[in-house]
Amino acid sequence: MKLKLIGLALAGAMFIASPASAMVLSLTGGTSEPFPTGFNPSGFPAIALPGTVTVYGGGDNGFGLNLSSAATLNFEYLGKEGTFSNTFDLGGTLFTTASIVGSTASAAVGGGLVPFTFTTTGGGGASATNGGPIASNLSIAFANLGDGSFLAMFNDGGGPDADFDDLVVKVSVSQVPLPAAVWLLLSAVMGLVSFSTIRRRGSQTA
């Protein structure tokens, strides 16, 4: 009986918590390419990189990095290469190429395409927005890190290279704490277990 109660209560806790764990990042559209061999942003940390990236350029509209439902996203600046001044904006500038590697920011975002934009002073000033529009000489790539997070990688059009390291940002879903109801439910389970144990011991000594 006691085990049955525990099982039912834990199942209820998982049901209550499930909406928080369902929020995920994913990609739509784009072109899969080998991870660029020239990728070398200054200050980039030791991160295991995948073998491919998904690339978006001019004409790619309505596709990109998506969030399954509203959530808080975490952003971390991971470095840059190149001489242009570039920015990463989401409701305002979060990072520039002058930011300190490891700088972080967070923002509440609705479901759908994550509304961030890379901008550059190159080419007289141009921008590339996740989901479009993307200026013809610019492109964005995403690397799936396999843990629910992605690298958002910018090519600012400067020079002959397209190694997507002119500004690099890690994007991940914020870990949502269990709702208060879950903790109350688990406390009730422990109380039931304790009460059952005390009552059983009392009957054995009677």
Protein backbone atom coordinates (compact mmCIF):
# COMPACT_ATOMS: atom_id res chain seq x y z
CA MET A 1 0.00 0.00 0.00
CA LYS A 2 2.77 2.39 0.98
CA LEU A 3 4.66 1.81 -2.29
CA LYS A 4 1.47 2.31 -4.26
CA LEU A 5 0.86 5.68 -2.62
CA ILE A 6 4.43 6.76 -3.32
CA GLY A 7 4.16 5.71 -6.95
CA LEU A 8 0.92 7.60 -7.48
CA ALA A 9 2.27 10.72 -5.82
CA LEU A 10 5.49 10.70 -7.83
CA ALA A 11 3.50 10.21 -11.03
CA GLY A 12 1.44 13.25 -10.09
CA ALA A 13 4.60 15.25 -9.44
CA MET A 14 5.99 14.34 -12.84
CA PHE A 15 2.69 15.34 -14.48
CA ILE A 16 2.73 18.73 -12.78
CA ALA A 17 6.36 19.35 -13.69
CA SER A 18 6.11 18.14 -17.28
CA PRO A 19 5.15 21.50 -18.89
CA ALA A 20 8.42 23.04 -17.66
CA SER A 21 10.55 20.26 -19.11
CA ALA A 22 8.72 20.35 -22.49
CA MET A 23 10.22 23.67 -23.58
CA VAL A 24 12.90 22.90 -26.15
CA LEU A 25 14.95 24.63 -28.84
CA SER A 26 15.00 23.19 -32.36
CA LEU A 27 15.87 24.16 -35.93
CA THR A 28 13.69 24.40 -39.02
CA GLY A 29 14.92 24.73 -42.58
CA GLY A 30 18.49 25.70 -43.40
CA THR A 31 21.32 23.82 -45.08
CA SER A 32 23.48 21.27 -43.28
CA GLU A 33 27.21 21.80 -43.85
CA PRO A 34 30.43 20.44 -42.29
CA PHE A 35 31.56 22.39 -39.25
CA PRO A 36 33.87 25.13 -40.61
CA THR A 37 37.56 24.26 -40.22
CA GLY A 38 38.51 27.93 -39.87
CA PHE A 39 36.30 28.45 -36.83
CA ASN A 40 38.51 30.20 -34.26
CA PRO A 41 36.82 32.99 -32.28
CA SER A 42 39.08 34.75 -29.78
CA GLY A 43 38.54 33.46 -26.25
CA PHE A 44 36.30 30.55 -27.26
CA PRO A 45 36.08 28.02 -24.39
CA ALA A 46 36.83 24.31 -24.63
CA ILE A 47 33.49 22.97 -25.91
CA ALA A 48 33.03 19.70 -27.78
CA LEU A 49 31.77 20.75 -31.20
CA PRO A 50 29.53 18.72 -33.51
CA GLY A 51 30.53 17.70 -37.02
CA THR A 52 27.96 19.84 -38.81
CA VAL A 53 26.25 23.23 -38.68
CA THR A 54 22.92 24.38 -40.10
CA VAL A 55 23.33 27.49 -42.25
CA TYR A 56 20.86 30.27 -43.14
CA GLY A 57 21.53 33.06 -45.63
CA GLY A 58 19.79 35.68 -47.74
CA GLY A 59 16.39 34.46 -48.90
CA ASP A 60 15.88 32.13 -45.91
CA ASN A 61 12.73 33.56 -44.35
CA GLY A 62 10.52 31.89 -41.75
CA PHE A 63 13.19 29.35 -40.75
CA GLY A 64 15.75 29.21 -37.96
CA LEU A 65 16.04 28.57 -34.23
CA ASN A 66 12.63 27.90 -32.65
CA LEU A 67 11.39 27.65 -29.07
CA SER A 68 8.53 25.22 -28.51
CA SER A 69 6.72 27.44 -25.98
CA ALA A 70 7.28 30.59 -23.95
CA ALA A 71 10.30 30.36 -21.63
CA THR A 72 13.30 32.23 -20.31
CA LEU A 73 16.37 31.80 -22.50
CA ASN A 74 19.97 32.11 -21.36
CA PHE A 75 22.59 33.64 -23.64
CA GLU A 76 26.38 33.48 -23.24
CA TYR A 77 28.92 35.39 -25.32
CA LEU A 78 31.67 33.00 -26.48
CA GLY A 79 33.98 35.14 -28.60
CA LYS A 80 34.57 36.69 -32.02
CA GLU A 81 36.99 36.99 -34.90
CA GLY A 82 37.31 39.81 -37.41
CA THR A 83 37.60 43.57 -37.33
CA PHE A 84 34.02 44.77 -37.81
CA SER A 85 31.95 45.87 -34.82
CA ASN A 86 29.15 43.33 -34.50
CA THR A 87 26.24 43.06 -32.08
CA PHE A 88 23.75 40.45 -30.88
CA ASP A 89 20.37 42.03 -30.18
CA LEU A 90 17.14 40.78 -28.63
CA GLY A 91 14.88 43.60 -27.49
CA GLY A 92 18.09 45.64 -27.17
CA THR A 93 21.78 44.86 -27.45
CA LEU A 94 22.85 41.86 -25.34
CA PHE A 95 26.44 41.53 -26.59
CA THR A 96 28.94 43.30 -28.84
CA THR A 97 32.34 42.23 -30.12
CA ALA A 98 33.74 44.30 -27.25
CA SER A 99 31.92 42.20 -24.63
CA ILE A 100 33.89 40.01 -22.24
CA VAL A 101 33.89 36.33 -23.19
CA GLY A 102 31.68 34.49 -20.72
CA SER A 103 29.26 37.41 -20.29
CA THR A 104 25.68 36.21 -19.86
CA ALA A 105 22.17 37.56 -20.25
CA SER A 106 18.65 36.16 -20.10
CA ALA A 107 15.33 37.13 -21.64
CA ALA A 108 11.73 35.94 -21.57
CA VAL A 109 10.80 34.77 -25.07
CA GLY A 110 7.52 33.57 -26.56
CA GLY A 111 7.19 30.37 -28.52
CA GLY A 112 8.25 30.27 -32.16
CA LEU A 113 11.25 31.81 -33.86
CA VAL A 114 13.62 33.33 -31.29
CA PRO A 115 13.63 37.04 -32.27
CA PHE A 116 17.33 37.89 -32.18
CA THR A 117 19.37 39.81 -34.74
CA PHE A 118 23.07 40.04 -35.56
CA THR A 119 24.22 43.42 -36.88
CA THR A 120 27.55 44.53 -38.33
CA THR A 121 29.28 47.75 -39.32
CA GLY A 122 30.65 45.94 -42.36
CA GLY A 123 29.28 46.75 -45.80
CA GLY A 124 27.94 50.05 -44.59
CA GLY A 125 25.87 48.35 -41.91
CA ALA A 126 23.68 45.30 -42.34
CA SER A 127 21.77 42.79 -40.27
CA ALA A 128 20.77 39.12 -40.14
CA THR A 129 17.67 38.19 -38.16
CA ASN A 130 16.83 34.67 -37.05
CA GLY A 131 13.97 33.67 -39.34
CA GLY A 132 14.80 36.49 -41.76
CA PRO A 133 15.40 38.89 -43.25
CA ILE A 134 19.11 38.21 -43.72
CA ALA A 135 21.21 40.62 -45.80
CA SER A 136 22.58 38.95 -48.93
CA ASN A 137 26.22 39.16 -47.85
CA LEU A 138 25.58 37.82 -44.32
CA SER A 139 24.68 34.43 -42.89
CA ILE A 140 23.93 32.68 -39.60
CA ALA A 141 24.80 29.13 -38.61
CA PHE A 142 23.69 27.02 -35.67
CA ALA A 143 25.57 24.17 -34.01
CA ASN A 144 23.55 21.71 -31.96
CA LEU A 145 25.60 20.94 -28.83
CA GLY A 146 23.47 17.90 -28.03
CA ASP A 147 22.43 19.02 -24.55
CA GLY A 148 19.46 21.16 -25.57
CA SER A 149 21.63 24.20 -26.29
CA PHE A 150 22.86 25.72 -29.56
CA LEU A 151 25.66 27.94 -30.76
CA ALA A 152 24.36 30.90 -32.78
CA MET A 153 27.25 31.77 -35.12
CA PHE A 154 27.52 34.90 -37.30
CA ASN A 155 29.29 35.51 -40.60
CA ASP A 156 29.58 39.29 -41.10
CA GLY A 157 30.64 39.11 -44.75
CA GLY A 158 34.12 40.44 -44.15
CA GLY A 159 36.95 38.78 -46.10
CA PRO A 160 36.74 35.61 -48.19
CA ASP A 161 36.01 33.27 -45.27
CA ALA A 162 32.65 32.00 -44.07
CA ASP A 163 33.62 30.23 -40.87
CA PHE A 164 30.84 31.74 -38.73
CA ASP A 165 33.04 33.00 -35.92
CA ASP A 166 32.56 36.77 -36.22
CA LEU A 167 30.33 36.68 -33.12
CA VAL A 168 29.32 33.49 -31.32
CA VAL A 169 26.59 33.13 -28.69
CA LYS A 170 25.40 30.05 -26.81
CA VAL A 171 21.60 29.83 -26.45
CA SER A 172 19.88 27.55 -23.92
CA VAL A 173 16.57 27.23 -22.11
CA SER A 174 16.69 28.33 -18.48
CA GLN A 175 16.25 25.48 -15.99
CA VAL A 176 12.81 25.96 -14.49
CA PRO A 177 12.48 25.01 -10.80
CA LEU A 178 9.76 22.56 -9.84
CA PRO A 179 6.45 24.29 -9.09
CA ALA A 180 5.59 24.78 -5.43
CA ALA A 181 2.77 22.27 -5.82
CA VAL A 182 5.29 19.54 -6.57
CA TRP A 183 7.21 20.19 -3.36
CA LEU A 184 3.95 20.21 -1.36
CA LEU A 185 2.96 16.92 -2.93
CA LEU A 186 6.33 15.32 -2.17
CA SER A 187 6.14 16.61 1.42
CA ALA A 188 2.71 15.00 1.76
CA VAL A 189 4.11 11.70 0.47
CA MET A 190 6.90 11.75 3.04
CA GLY A 191 4.36 12.53 5.73
CA LEU A 192 2.25 9.54 4.72
CA VAL A 193 5.30 7.29 4.72
CA SER A 194 6.35 8.52 8.19
CA PHE A 195 2.83 8.11 9.58
CA SER A 196 2.57 4.60 8.16
CA THR A 197 5.93 3.64 9.68
CA ILE A 198 5.04 4.99 13.12
CA ARG A 199 1.66 3.27 13.10
CA ARG A 200 3.22 -0.06 12.06
CA ARG A 201 5.83 0.15 14.84
CA GLY A 202 3.10 1.00 17.33
CA SER A 203 1.07 -2.05 16.37
CA GLN A 204 4.15 -4.27 16.68
CA THR A 205 4.91 -3.11 20.26
CA ALA A 206 1.29 -3.28 21.44
